[in-house]
Amino acid sequence: MTIPDPQSSAAALGVLDASRYRPVVSGSSFTFSHRLFRGFWYLTWLFLAAWTPPPMHSWRRFLLRLFGAKMGKNSGVYASTRVWDPRNLEMGDYAFIGPRVICYSMAKIRMGAYSLASQGAHLCAGTHDISDPHFQLQVRPIVIGERAWIAADAFVGPGVLVGEGAVLGARGVAFSDLPPWTVSVGNPSRVIKKRALRAET
């Protein structure tokens, strides 16, 4: 998988110019239509999905698709997951997002086939320009490759490409790309070994 344009056309994603709208003094970072959509989405998930039992993946897939997510065959999102903007979520076949995951999809978050984000993980596709006096919001897409695993309570930052088969260990923090078929741990994450799959018996 390749990562999209780093800024993913921020204006097209509803991001406002901080120097004009001044979010640092209670202004908005997103357009009104964008905020209205997300409010409707939040209420829909709250009343129609947040209480549903774990096996109801097909129903939650339906709701996500209804709001613009691209959901592969038998992909799944748990009821306690929080998807910030479903229009920016793309999941391959059999990809899963576990309980209590924060999917902060200010920009595209793409998960390849058979990839997994375990319970409590945080996929964060937004940050701020800390050198800008107006604290401009910046959005950068995240790509998680096929068969990659983001373990429990791990954090993946904006613009990160998690390579195919890569593993980010529990509570690890990735602010830079993770090479394919490696295991990374720690904060900031570092590669500790290669990952190899055993032959099927």
Protein backbone atom coordinates (compact mmCIF):
# COMPACT_ATOMS: atom_id res chain seq x y z
CA MET A 1 0.00 0.00 0.00
CA THR A 2 1.15 3.56 -0.68
CA ILE A 3 0.42 6.55 1.49
CA PRO A 4 -1.73 9.30 -0.04
CA ASP A 5 -0.70 12.93 -0.49
CA PRO A 6 0.67 13.97 2.94
CA GLN A 7 -1.81 16.79 3.44
CA SER A 8 -4.64 14.93 1.66
CA SER A 9 -5.95 18.29 0.42
CA ALA A 10 -6.80 19.70 3.84
CA ALA A 11 -9.35 22.15 2.44
CA ALA A 12 -11.18 19.29 0.73
CA LEU A 13 -11.38 17.58 4.13
CA GLY A 14 -13.08 20.61 5.64
CA VAL A 15 -10.07 22.09 7.44
CA LEU A 16 -10.28 25.87 7.88
CA ASP A 17 -7.50 28.45 7.78
CA ALA A 18 -6.57 29.05 11.42
CA SER A 19 -5.33 32.58 10.75
CA ARG A 20 -8.82 33.51 9.59
CA TYR A 21 -11.08 31.42 11.84
CA ARG A 22 -8.83 31.54 14.94
CA PRO A 23 -9.52 28.25 16.76
CA VAL A 24 -7.16 29.35 19.55
CA VAL A 25 -9.84 31.83 20.65
CA SER A 26 -12.82 29.45 20.33
CA GLY A 27 -13.06 29.59 16.54
CA SER A 28 -13.61 26.51 14.40
CA SER A 29 -11.09 24.20 12.78
CA PHE A 30 -13.68 22.67 10.43
CA THR A 31 -16.49 23.96 8.24
CA PHE A 32 -20.02 24.07 9.58
CA SER A 33 -21.22 21.39 7.14
CA HIS A 34 -18.38 19.13 8.28
CA ARG A 35 -19.29 19.60 11.94
CA LEU A 36 -22.97 19.04 11.19
CA PHE A 37 -22.20 15.77 9.41
CA ARG A 38 -20.07 14.56 12.30
CA GLY A 39 -22.75 15.49 14.82
CA PHE A 40 -25.33 13.46 12.91
CA TRP A 41 -22.86 10.58 12.64
CA TYR A 42 -22.13 10.71 16.38
CA LEU A 43 -25.83 10.51 17.25
CA THR A 44 -26.42 7.71 14.77
CA TRP A 45 -23.60 5.61 16.22
CA LEU A 46 -24.69 6.41 19.78
CA PHE A 47 -28.30 5.30 19.30
CA LEU A 48 -27.92 2.57 16.67
CA ALA A 49 -24.51 0.99 17.25
CA ALA A 50 -22.75 1.87 20.51
CA TRP A 51 -24.93 -0.54 22.52
CA THR A 52 -24.82 -3.47 20.07
CA PRO A 53 -23.29 -6.83 21.10
CA PRO A 54 -19.96 -7.91 19.56
CA PRO A 55 -21.37 -10.33 16.93
CA MET A 56 -23.30 -7.55 15.13
CA HIS A 57 -20.42 -6.60 12.83
CA SER A 58 -22.57 -6.68 9.69
CA TRP A 59 -24.94 -4.08 11.14
CA ARG A 60 -22.09 -1.78 12.15
CA ARG A 61 -20.50 -2.26 8.70
CA PHE A 62 -23.80 -1.19 7.16
CA LEU A 63 -23.93 2.01 9.23
CA LEU A 64 -20.32 2.87 8.44
CA ARG A 65 -20.90 2.33 4.72
CA LEU A 66 -24.05 4.42 4.92
CA PHE A 67 -21.92 7.32 6.16
CA GLY A 68 -19.21 6.87 3.54
CA ALA A 69 -16.73 4.33 4.90
CA LYS A 70 -15.26 1.73 2.54
CA MET A 71 -15.60 -1.61 4.29
CA GLY A 72 -14.13 -4.83 2.90
CA LYS A 73 -15.68 -8.27 3.13
CA ASN A 74 -16.07 -9.46 6.73
CA SER A 75 -14.21 -6.42 8.08
CA GLY A 76 -15.30 -5.43 11.57
CA VAL A 77 -15.53 -2.52 14.00
CA TYR A 78 -16.59 -3.00 17.61
CA ALA A 79 -19.38 -1.00 19.23
CA SER A 80 -17.04 0.84 21.61
CA THR A 81 -14.80 2.02 18.77
CA ARG A 82 -14.94 5.74 18.02
CA VAL A 83 -14.66 6.62 14.35
CA TRP A 84 -14.31 10.40 14.05
CA ASP A 85 -15.29 10.67 10.35
CA PRO A 86 -16.37 7.46 8.58
CA ARG A 87 -15.80 9.06 5.16
CA ASN A 88 -12.08 8.81 5.84
CA LEU A 89 -12.06 5.14 6.86
CA GLU A 90 -11.10 2.38 4.43
CA MET A 91 -10.84 -1.23 5.59
CA GLY A 92 -9.76 -4.21 3.53
CA ASP A 93 -11.23 -7.70 3.66
CA TYR A 94 -11.12 -9.24 7.17
CA ALA A 95 -9.52 -6.12 8.67
CA PHE A 96 -10.63 -5.44 12.25
CA ILE A 97 -10.74 -2.54 14.68
CA GLY A 98 -11.04 -3.73 18.26
CA PRO A 99 -12.89 -2.45 21.33
CA ARG A 100 -12.23 1.11 22.56
CA VAL A 101 -10.04 2.01 19.59
CA ILE A 102 -9.97 5.72 18.75
CA CYS A 103 -9.98 6.10 14.99
CA TYR A 104 -9.26 9.84 14.74
CA SER A 105 -9.84 9.96 11.00
CA MET A 106 -9.29 13.65 10.27
CA ALA A 107 -7.53 12.37 7.13
CA LYS A 108 -7.72 8.97 5.46
CA ILE A 109 -7.03 5.92 7.59
CA ARG A 110 -6.55 2.85 5.42
CA MET A 111 -6.28 -0.66 6.82
CA GLY A 112 -5.17 -3.46 4.53
CA ALA A 113 -6.68 -6.93 4.38
CA TYR A 114 -6.30 -8.99 7.57
CA SER A 115 -4.84 -6.04 9.50
CA LEU A 116 -5.82 -5.47 13.12
CA ALA A 117 -5.94 -2.57 15.58
CA SER A 118 -6.36 -4.09 19.04
CA GLN A 119 -8.25 -2.78 22.05
CA GLY A 120 -7.47 0.74 23.17
CA ALA A 121 -5.24 1.60 20.20
CA HIS A 122 -5.26 5.20 18.94
CA LEU A 123 -4.96 5.96 15.21
CA CYS A 124 -4.45 9.72 15.04
CA ALA A 125 -4.47 11.40 11.61
CA GLY A 126 -4.39 15.00 12.87
CA THR A 127 -1.89 17.31 14.55
CA HIS A 128 -1.06 21.04 14.77
CA ASP A 129 1.71 23.27 13.49
CA ILE A 130 3.35 24.20 16.78
CA SER A 131 5.39 26.96 15.12
CA ASP A 132 2.27 28.70 13.86
CA PRO A 133 0.91 31.38 16.23
CA HIS A 134 -2.57 30.37 15.05
CA PHE A 135 -1.90 26.67 15.83
CA GLN A 136 -2.98 25.55 12.35
CA LEU A 137 -4.55 22.10 12.24
CA GLN A 138 -2.71 19.69 9.95
CA VAL A 139 -4.11 16.40 8.71
CA ARG A 140 -2.03 13.51 7.40
CA PRO A 141 -3.26 10.07 6.32
CA ILE A 142 -2.34 6.79 7.99
CA VAL A 143 -1.85 3.54 6.08
CA ILE A 144 -1.73 0.18 7.85
CA GLY A 145 -0.56 -2.57 5.52
CA GLU A 146 -1.97 -6.03 4.99
CA ARG A 147 -1.55 -8.40 7.95
CA ALA A 148 -0.10 -5.63 10.12
CA TRP A 149 -1.01 -5.54 13.82
CA ILE A 150 -1.35 -2.50 16.04
CA ALA A 151 -1.35 -4.06 19.50
CA ALA A 152 -3.28 -2.99 22.61
CA ASP A 153 -3.06 0.69 23.63
CA ALA A 154 -0.53 1.51 20.90
CA PHE A 155 -0.47 4.92 19.18
CA VAL A 156 0.01 5.57 15.46
CA GLY A 157 0.65 9.20 14.60
CA PRO A 158 -0.23 11.34 11.58
CA GLY A 159 1.32 10.40 8.25
CA VAL A 160 2.67 7.02 9.39
CA LEU A 161 2.91 4.08 7.00
CA VAL A 162 2.81 0.74 8.80
CA GLY A 163 4.34 -1.73 6.39
CA GLU A 164 2.81 -5.04 5.37
CA GLY A 165 3.04 -7.57 8.20
CA ALA A 166 4.56 -5.07 10.64
CA VAL A 167 3.74 -5.25 14.36
CA LEU A 168 3.62 -2.30 16.76
CA GLY A 169 3.78 -3.77 20.25
CA ALA A 170 1.45 -2.98 23.13
CA ARG A 171 1.61 0.70 24.17
CA GLY A 172 4.16 1.40 21.47
CA VAL A 173 4.19 4.83 19.83
CA ALA A 174 4.88 5.20 16.11
CA PHE A 175 5.64 8.67 14.73
CA SER A 176 7.63 7.34 11.75
CA ASP A 177 7.08 4.55 9.25
CA LEU A 178 7.36 0.93 10.36
CA PRO A 179 9.22 -1.35 7.91
CA PRO A 180 7.36 -4.38 6.51
CA TRP A 181 7.52 -7.63 8.48
CA THR A 182 9.20 -6.16 11.55
CA VAL A 183 8.30 -5.97 15.23
CA SER A 184 8.60 -2.55 16.88
CA VAL A 185 8.14 -1.60 20.53
CA GLY A 186 8.56 1.38 22.84
CA ASN A 187 8.10 5.15 22.80
CA PRO A 188 9.27 6.19 20.32
CA SER A 189 9.03 2.81 18.66
CA ARG A 190 12.15 0.97 17.54
CA VAL A 191 12.53 -2.22 15.53
CA ILE A 192 13.61 -5.15 17.71
CA LYS A 193 13.37 -8.05 15.27
CA LYS A 194 12.05 -9.35 12.00
CA ARG A 195 8.67 -11.05 11.85
CA ALA A 196 8.43 -14.35 10.00
CA LEU A 197 5.35 -16.52 9.58
CA ARG A 198 5.62 -20.23 10.22
CA ALA A 199 4.74 -22.56 7.36
CA GLU A 200 1.25 -24.00 7.58
CA THR A 201 1.11 -27.61 8.75
